[in-house]
Amino acid sequence: MPLFGNTFSPKKTPPRKSASLSNLHNLDRSTREVELGLDYGTPTMNLAGQSLKFENGHWVAETGISGGVDQREAQRLRRRNQQLEEENNLLQVKVEVLLDMFSETTAEFQIMKKELEELKSVNRRRK
């Protein structure tokens, strides 16, 4: 038993095995996509006989007709809807401004009414 030596001596661990023997991780992304087939294309689905594909963040009918409505008609309706929403917002702002003006006018009227009553009471006291 050593006095100053290390009594604990763990076994040496065996060297780790390589995680992958494949060299595909060394390839660039485009080569991996070609080799492994990672190019899936655009997502598509079929709903009620209508084939749709996902493009630019929106589902678009592949045939150009969406639920019996032409794509141009749907786009026109979207634009009209946007115009109506903007008009509605403008009208809401106008109503807010008119309500503020009405409130201010009412407050001024009440102040004038009080002043008139005070003047009448002062005039009665003088007589």
N, C-alpha and C. Protein backbone atom coordinates (compact mmCIF):
# COMPACT_ATOMS: atom_id res chain seq x y z
N MET A 1 0.84 -1.18 0.00
CA MET A 1 0.00 0.00 0.00
C MET A 1 0.89 1.24 0.00
N PRO A 2 0.82 2.06 -1.07
CA PRO A 2 1.68 3.24 -1.12
C PRO A 2 1.15 4.35 -0.23
N LEU A 3 2.08 5.06 0.41
CA LEU A 3 1.67 6.14 1.30
C LEU A 3 1.30 7.41 0.54
N PHE A 4 2.11 7.78 -0.43
CA PHE A 4 1.87 9.04 -1.14
C PHE A 4 1.38 8.84 -2.57
N GLY A 5 1.21 7.65 -2.97
CA GLY A 5 0.82 7.38 -4.35
C GLY A 5 -0.68 7.41 -4.52
N ASN A 6 -1.13 7.30 -5.73
CA ASN A 6 -2.56 7.32 -6.06
C ASN A 6 -3.09 5.90 -5.93
N THR A 7 -4.03 5.70 -5.03
CA THR A 7 -4.59 4.37 -4.84
C THR A 7 -5.67 4.07 -5.87
N PHE A 8 -6.23 5.13 -6.47
CA PHE A 8 -7.28 4.93 -7.47
C PHE A 8 -6.69 5.09 -8.85
N SER A 9 -6.71 4.05 -9.63
CA SER A 9 -6.23 4.14 -11.01
C SER A 9 -7.27 3.50 -11.92
N PRO A 10 -8.11 4.34 -12.58
CA PRO A 10 -9.17 3.79 -13.43
C PRO A 10 -8.57 3.15 -14.68
N LYS A 11 -9.39 2.26 -15.25
CA LYS A 11 -8.98 1.61 -16.49
C LYS A 11 -9.06 2.62 -17.62
N LYS A 12 -8.20 2.46 -18.58
CA LYS A 12 -8.25 3.35 -19.73
C LYS A 12 -9.44 2.97 -20.60
N THR A 13 -10.14 4.02 -21.11
CA THR A 13 -11.30 3.77 -21.96
C THR A 13 -10.83 3.44 -23.36
N PRO A 14 -11.56 2.54 -24.03
CA PRO A 14 -11.17 2.22 -25.40
C PRO A 14 -11.49 3.41 -26.31
N PRO A 15 -10.80 3.58 -27.41
CA PRO A 15 -11.08 4.70 -28.32
C PRO A 15 -12.49 4.56 -28.90
N ARG A 16 -13.12 5.71 -29.15
CA ARG A 16 -14.48 5.72 -29.69
C ARG A 16 -14.48 5.29 -31.14
N LYS A 17 -15.59 4.65 -31.49
CA LYS A 17 -15.75 4.26 -32.89
C LYS A 17 -16.30 5.46 -33.66
N SER A 18 -16.05 5.51 -34.93
CA SER A 18 -16.54 6.59 -35.77
C SER A 18 -18.06 6.55 -35.80
N ALA A 19 -18.70 7.72 -35.70
CA ALA A 19 -20.15 7.79 -35.69
C ALA A 19 -20.73 7.30 -37.01
N SER A 20 -20.06 7.61 -38.08
CA SER A 20 -20.55 7.21 -39.38
C SER A 20 -19.35 6.89 -40.26
N LEU A 21 -19.46 5.79 -40.95
CA LEU A 21 -18.38 5.44 -41.87
C LEU A 21 -18.63 6.03 -43.25
N SER A 22 -19.79 6.67 -43.40
CA SER A 22 -20.14 7.28 -44.67
C SER A 22 -19.44 8.62 -44.81
N ASN A 23 -19.11 8.97 -46.02
CA ASN A 23 -18.50 10.28 -46.27
C ASN A 23 -19.52 11.29 -46.80
N LEU A 24 -20.84 11.00 -46.68
CA LEU A 24 -21.86 11.91 -47.19
C LEU A 24 -21.91 13.20 -46.38
N HIS A 25 -21.51 13.15 -45.11
CA HIS A 25 -21.55 14.38 -44.32
C HIS A 25 -20.50 15.38 -44.79
N ASN A 26 -19.54 14.93 -45.57
CA ASN A 26 -18.52 15.84 -46.10
C ASN A 26 -19.00 16.56 -47.36
N LEU A 27 -20.07 16.10 -47.97
CA LEU A 27 -20.55 16.69 -49.22
C LEU A 27 -21.32 17.97 -48.96
N ASP A 28 -21.38 18.86 -49.95
CA ASP A 28 -22.16 20.07 -49.80
C ASP A 28 -23.65 19.74 -49.95
N ARG A 29 -24.49 20.71 -49.64
CA ARG A 29 -25.93 20.47 -49.55
C ARG A 29 -26.53 20.01 -50.88
N SER A 30 -26.18 20.67 -51.97
CA SER A 30 -26.78 20.32 -53.26
C SER A 30 -26.41 18.90 -53.68
N THR A 31 -25.18 18.49 -53.42
CA THR A 31 -24.77 17.12 -53.77
C THR A 31 -25.52 16.10 -52.90
N ARG A 32 -25.70 16.43 -51.61
CA ARG A 32 -26.47 15.53 -50.74
C ARG A 32 -27.91 15.40 -51.21
N GLU A 33 -28.51 16.53 -51.65
CA GLU A 33 -29.89 16.47 -52.14
C GLU A 33 -29.99 15.56 -53.35
N VAL A 34 -29.00 15.63 -54.24
CA VAL A 34 -29.01 14.77 -55.42
C VAL A 34 -28.82 13.31 -55.01
N GLU A 35 -27.85 13.07 -54.12
CA GLU A 35 -27.52 11.71 -53.72
C GLU A 35 -28.64 11.07 -52.90
N LEU A 36 -29.21 11.82 -51.98
CA LEU A 36 -30.20 11.25 -51.06
C LEU A 36 -31.64 11.53 -51.47
N GLY A 37 -31.85 12.32 -52.50
CA GLY A 37 -33.20 12.59 -52.98
C GLY A 37 -33.98 13.49 -52.04
N LEU A 38 -33.38 14.58 -51.57
CA LEU A 38 -34.05 15.46 -50.62
C LEU A 38 -34.85 16.57 -51.29
N ASP A 39 -34.91 16.60 -52.62
CA ASP A 39 -35.69 17.60 -53.33
C ASP A 39 -37.11 17.04 -53.51
N TYR A 40 -38.03 17.44 -52.64
CA TYR A 40 -39.37 16.87 -52.64
C TYR A 40 -40.31 17.56 -53.61
N GLY A 41 -40.01 18.77 -54.00
CA GLY A 41 -40.92 19.52 -54.86
C GLY A 41 -41.95 20.25 -54.02
N THR A 42 -42.98 20.79 -54.67
CA THR A 42 -44.02 21.54 -53.94
C THR A 42 -45.02 20.57 -53.34
N PRO A 43 -45.51 20.86 -52.13
CA PRO A 43 -46.53 20.01 -51.52
C PRO A 43 -47.84 20.11 -52.29
N THR A 44 -48.51 18.99 -52.48
CA THR A 44 -49.80 18.97 -53.17
C THR A 44 -50.79 18.17 -52.35
N MET A 45 -52.07 18.46 -52.55
CA MET A 45 -53.12 17.68 -51.88
C MET A 45 -54.36 17.70 -52.76
N ASN A 46 -55.23 16.76 -52.48
CA ASN A 46 -56.46 16.62 -53.24
C ASN A 46 -57.63 16.71 -52.27
N LEU A 47 -58.47 17.72 -52.43
CA LEU A 47 -59.65 17.91 -51.59
C LEU A 47 -60.89 17.94 -52.46
N ALA A 48 -61.79 17.02 -52.21
CA ALA A 48 -63.07 16.97 -52.92
C ALA A 48 -62.86 17.03 -54.43
N GLY A 49 -61.89 16.29 -54.92
CA GLY A 49 -61.65 16.23 -56.35
C GLY A 49 -60.88 17.42 -56.90
N GLN A 50 -60.53 18.37 -56.04
CA GLN A 50 -59.79 19.55 -56.45
C GLN A 50 -58.33 19.38 -56.06
N SER A 51 -57.42 19.47 -57.02
CA SER A 51 -56.00 19.31 -56.76
C SER A 51 -55.39 20.68 -56.45
N LEU A 52 -54.72 20.79 -55.29
CA LEU A 52 -54.13 22.05 -54.85
C LEU A 52 -52.63 21.86 -54.63
N LYS A 53 -51.86 22.93 -54.88
CA LYS A 53 -50.43 22.91 -54.58
C LYS A 53 -50.06 24.17 -53.80
N PHE A 54 -49.02 24.07 -52.98
CA PHE A 54 -48.60 25.16 -52.10
C PHE A 54 -47.50 25.96 -52.79
N GLU A 55 -47.81 27.22 -53.14
CA GLU A 55 -46.85 28.09 -53.82
C GLU A 55 -46.86 29.46 -53.16
N ASN A 56 -45.69 29.98 -52.87
CA ASN A 56 -45.53 31.33 -52.33
C ASN A 56 -46.39 31.57 -51.09
N GLY A 57 -46.51 30.58 -50.24
CA GLY A 57 -47.24 30.75 -49.00
C GLY A 57 -48.75 30.62 -49.11
N HIS A 58 -49.27 30.22 -50.28
CA HIS A 58 -50.71 30.08 -50.47
C HIS A 58 -51.01 28.78 -51.20
N TRP A 59 -52.17 28.21 -50.92
CA TRP A 59 -52.62 27.03 -51.65
C TRP A 59 -53.28 27.50 -52.94
N VAL A 60 -52.81 26.98 -54.06
CA VAL A 60 -53.30 27.40 -55.37
C VAL A 60 -53.81 26.17 -56.11
N ALA A 61 -54.97 26.31 -56.77
CA ALA A 61 -55.52 25.21 -57.55
C ALA A 61 -54.64 24.96 -58.77
N GLU A 62 -54.33 23.71 -59.03
CA GLU A 62 -53.47 23.39 -60.17
C GLU A 62 -54.18 23.62 -61.50
N THR A 63 -55.50 23.46 -61.52
CA THR A 63 -56.24 23.62 -62.77
C THR A 63 -56.56 25.08 -63.07
N GLY A 64 -56.34 25.98 -62.11
CA GLY A 64 -56.64 27.39 -62.33
C GLY A 64 -58.04 27.76 -61.90
N ILE A 65 -58.86 26.79 -61.54
CA ILE A 65 -60.21 27.07 -61.07
C ILE A 65 -60.30 26.58 -59.64
N SER A 66 -60.68 27.46 -58.73
CA SER A 66 -60.73 27.14 -57.31
C SER A 66 -62.19 27.10 -56.85
N GLY A 67 -62.71 25.92 -56.63
CA GLY A 67 -64.09 25.80 -56.15
C GLY A 67 -65.10 26.39 -57.11
N GLY A 68 -64.86 26.31 -58.40
CA GLY A 68 -65.79 26.85 -59.38
C GLY A 68 -65.57 28.33 -59.64
N VAL A 69 -64.60 28.97 -58.98
CA VAL A 69 -64.33 30.39 -59.18
C VAL A 69 -62.99 30.53 -59.90
N ASP A 70 -62.96 31.31 -60.95
CA ASP A 70 -61.73 31.54 -61.71
C ASP A 70 -60.71 32.24 -60.82
N GLN A 71 -59.42 31.94 -61.04
CA GLN A 71 -58.35 32.55 -60.25
C GLN A 71 -58.36 34.06 -60.38
N ARG A 72 -58.62 34.57 -61.59
CA ARG A 72 -58.68 36.02 -61.78
C ARG A 72 -59.82 36.63 -60.98
N GLU A 73 -60.95 35.94 -60.95
CA GLU A 73 -62.11 36.42 -60.18
C GLU A 73 -61.78 36.42 -58.69
N ALA A 74 -61.12 35.37 -58.22
CA ALA A 74 -60.73 35.30 -56.80
C ALA A 74 -59.76 36.42 -56.46
N GLN A 75 -58.82 36.71 -57.34
CA GLN A 75 -57.86 37.79 -57.11
C GLN A 75 -58.58 39.13 -57.09
N ARG A 76 -59.54 39.32 -58.01
CA ARG A 76 -60.32 40.56 -58.04
C ARG A 76 -61.11 40.73 -56.74
N LEU A 77 -61.69 39.64 -56.26
CA LEU A 77 -62.46 39.70 -55.02
C LEU A 77 -61.55 40.01 -53.82
N ARG A 78 -60.34 39.47 -53.82
CA ARG A 78 -59.40 39.78 -52.74
C ARG A 78 -59.04 41.27 -52.74
N ARG A 79 -58.78 41.82 -53.94
CA ARG A 79 -58.46 43.24 -54.04
C ARG A 79 -59.63 44.10 -53.56
N ARG A 80 -60.84 43.74 -53.97
CA ARG A 80 -62.04 44.49 -53.56
C ARG A 80 -62.23 44.42 -52.05
N ASN A 81 -61.99 43.23 -51.49
CA ASN A 81 -62.09 43.06 -50.05
C ASN A 81 -61.08 43.95 -49.33
N GLN A 82 -59.86 44.02 -49.84
CA GLN A 82 -58.82 44.88 -49.25
C GLN A 82 -59.24 46.34 -49.32
N GLN A 83 -59.80 46.77 -50.46
CA GLN A 83 -60.25 48.16 -50.60
C GLN A 83 -61.35 48.48 -49.59
N LEU A 84 -62.29 47.55 -49.43
CA LEU A 84 -63.40 47.77 -48.49
C LEU A 84 -62.90 47.83 -47.05
N GLU A 85 -61.91 47.00 -46.72
CA GLU A 85 -61.35 47.04 -45.37
C GLU A 85 -60.66 48.38 -45.11
N GLU A 86 -59.92 48.88 -46.10
CA GLU A 86 -59.27 50.18 -45.94
C GLU A 86 -60.30 51.30 -45.80
N GLU A 87 -61.36 51.23 -46.59
CA GLU A 87 -62.42 52.25 -46.50
C GLU A 87 -63.09 52.18 -45.14
N ASN A 88 -63.33 50.98 -44.65
CA ASN A 88 -63.95 50.80 -43.34
C ASN A 88 -63.06 51.40 -42.24
N ASN A 89 -61.76 51.16 -42.32
CA ASN A 89 -60.84 51.73 -41.33
C ASN A 89 -60.86 53.25 -41.37
N LEU A 90 -60.89 53.83 -42.58
CA LEU A 90 -60.94 55.28 -42.72
C LEU A 90 -62.22 55.84 -42.11
N LEU A 91 -63.34 55.18 -42.37
CA LEU A 91 -64.61 55.64 -41.81
C LEU A 91 -64.62 55.54 -40.29
N GLN A 92 -64.01 54.50 -39.74
CA GLN A 92 -63.94 54.38 -38.29
C GLN A 92 -63.12 55.51 -37.68
N VAL A 93 -62.05 55.90 -38.34
CA VAL A 93 -61.24 57.03 -37.86
C VAL A 93 -62.05 58.31 -37.92
N LYS A 94 -62.79 58.49 -39.01
CA LYS A 94 -63.61 59.70 -39.13
C LYS A 94 -64.66 59.76 -38.03
N VAL A 95 -65.29 58.64 -37.72
CA VAL A 95 -66.29 58.61 -36.65
C VAL A 95 -65.64 58.97 -35.32
N GLU A 96 -64.44 58.45 -35.07
CA GLU A 96 -63.72 58.78 -33.83
C GLU A 96 -63.47 60.28 -33.73
N VAL A 97 -63.03 60.89 -34.84
CA VAL A 97 -62.75 62.33 -34.84
C VAL A 97 -64.03 63.11 -34.60
N LEU A 98 -65.12 62.72 -35.26
CA LEU A 98 -66.39 63.42 -35.07
C LEU A 98 -66.88 63.30 -33.63
N LEU A 99 -66.72 62.14 -33.02
CA LEU A 99 -67.13 61.97 -31.62
C LEU A 99 -66.29 62.85 -30.70
N ASP A 100 -65.00 62.97 -30.98
CA ASP A 100 -64.14 63.86 -30.19
C ASP A 100 -64.58 65.30 -30.33
N MET A 101 -64.89 65.71 -31.57
CA MET A 101 -65.34 67.09 -31.81
C MET A 101 -66.66 67.34 -31.10
N PHE A 102 -67.58 66.38 -31.15
CA PHE A 102 -68.88 66.52 -30.49
C PHE A 102 -68.70 66.64 -28.98
N SER A 103 -67.80 65.83 -28.42
CA SER A 103 -67.56 65.88 -26.98
C SER A 103 -66.99 67.24 -26.58
N GLU A 104 -66.06 67.76 -27.37
CA GLU A 104 -65.46 69.06 -27.08
C GLU A 104 -66.50 70.17 -27.16
N THR A 105 -67.34 70.11 -28.18
CA THR A 105 -68.39 71.13 -28.34
C THR A 105 -69.39 71.07 -27.19
N THR A 106 -69.75 69.87 -26.78
CA THR A 106 -70.69 69.70 -25.66
C THR A 106 -70.10 70.26 -24.38
N ALA A 107 -68.81 69.99 -24.15
CA ALA A 107 -68.16 70.52 -22.94
C ALA A 107 -68.13 72.04 -22.96
N GLU A 108 -67.81 72.64 -24.11
CA GLU A 108 -67.80 74.10 -24.23
C GLU A 108 -69.20 74.67 -24.00
N PHE A 109 -70.21 73.98 -24.51
CA PHE A 109 -71.58 74.44 -24.32
C PHE A 109 -71.95 74.43 -22.85
N GLN A 110 -71.57 73.37 -22.14
CA GLN A 110 -71.88 73.29 -20.72
C GLN A 110 -71.19 74.40 -19.93
N ILE A 111 -69.95 74.73 -20.30
CA ILE A 111 -69.21 75.81 -19.63
C ILE A 111 -69.90 77.14 -19.88
N MET A 112 -70.31 77.38 -21.13
CA MET A 112 -71.00 78.64 -21.47
C MET A 112 -72.34 78.72 -20.74
N LYS A 113 -73.02 77.61 -20.62
CA LYS A 113 -74.31 77.59 -19.93
C LYS A 113 -74.13 77.97 -18.46
N LYS A 114 -73.08 77.46 -17.82
CA LYS A 114 -72.81 77.80 -16.43
C LYS A 114 -72.49 79.29 -16.30
N GLU A 115 -71.65 79.80 -17.21
CA GLU A 115 -71.30 81.22 -17.16
C GLU A 115 -72.54 82.09 -17.32
N LEU A 116 -73.44 81.69 -18.22
CA LEU A 116 -74.66 82.45 -18.43
C LEU A 116 -75.53 82.45 -17.17
N GLU A 117 -75.65 81.30 -16.52
CA GLU A 117 -76.43 81.22 -15.28
C GLU A 117 -75.82 82.10 -14.19
N GLU A 118 -74.47 82.13 -14.11
CA GLU A 118 -73.80 82.97 -13.11
C GLU A 118 -74.04 84.44 -13.41
N LEU A 119 -73.98 84.80 -14.69
CA LEU A 119 -74.23 86.21 -15.05
C LEU A 119 -75.67 86.61 -14.73
N LYS A 120 -76.60 85.71 -14.96
CA LYS A 120 -78.01 86.01 -14.65
C LYS A 120 -78.19 86.19 -13.15
N SER A 121 -77.54 85.33 -12.37
CA SER A 121 -77.70 85.45 -10.91
C SER A 121 -77.04 86.75 -10.38
N VAL A 122 -75.90 87.13 -10.98
CA VAL A 122 -75.26 88.40 -10.58
C VAL A 122 -76.15 89.57 -10.97
N ASN A 123 -76.78 89.51 -12.11
CA ASN A 123 -77.65 90.58 -12.59
C ASN A 123 -78.88 90.69 -11.68
N ARG A 124 -79.42 89.59 -11.19
CA ARG A 124 -80.59 89.61 -10.29
C ARG A 124 -80.23 90.22 -8.94
N ARG A 125 -79.03 89.97 -8.48
CA ARG A 125 -78.60 90.51 -7.17
C ARG A 125 -78.47 92.03 -7.23
N ARG A 126 -78.08 92.58 -8.38
CA ARG A 126 -77.91 94.00 -8.52
C ARG A 126 -79.25 94.74 -8.47
N LYS A 127 -80.28 94.13 -8.88
CA LYS A 127 -81.59 94.81 -8.94
C LYS A 127 -82.22 94.89 -7.62
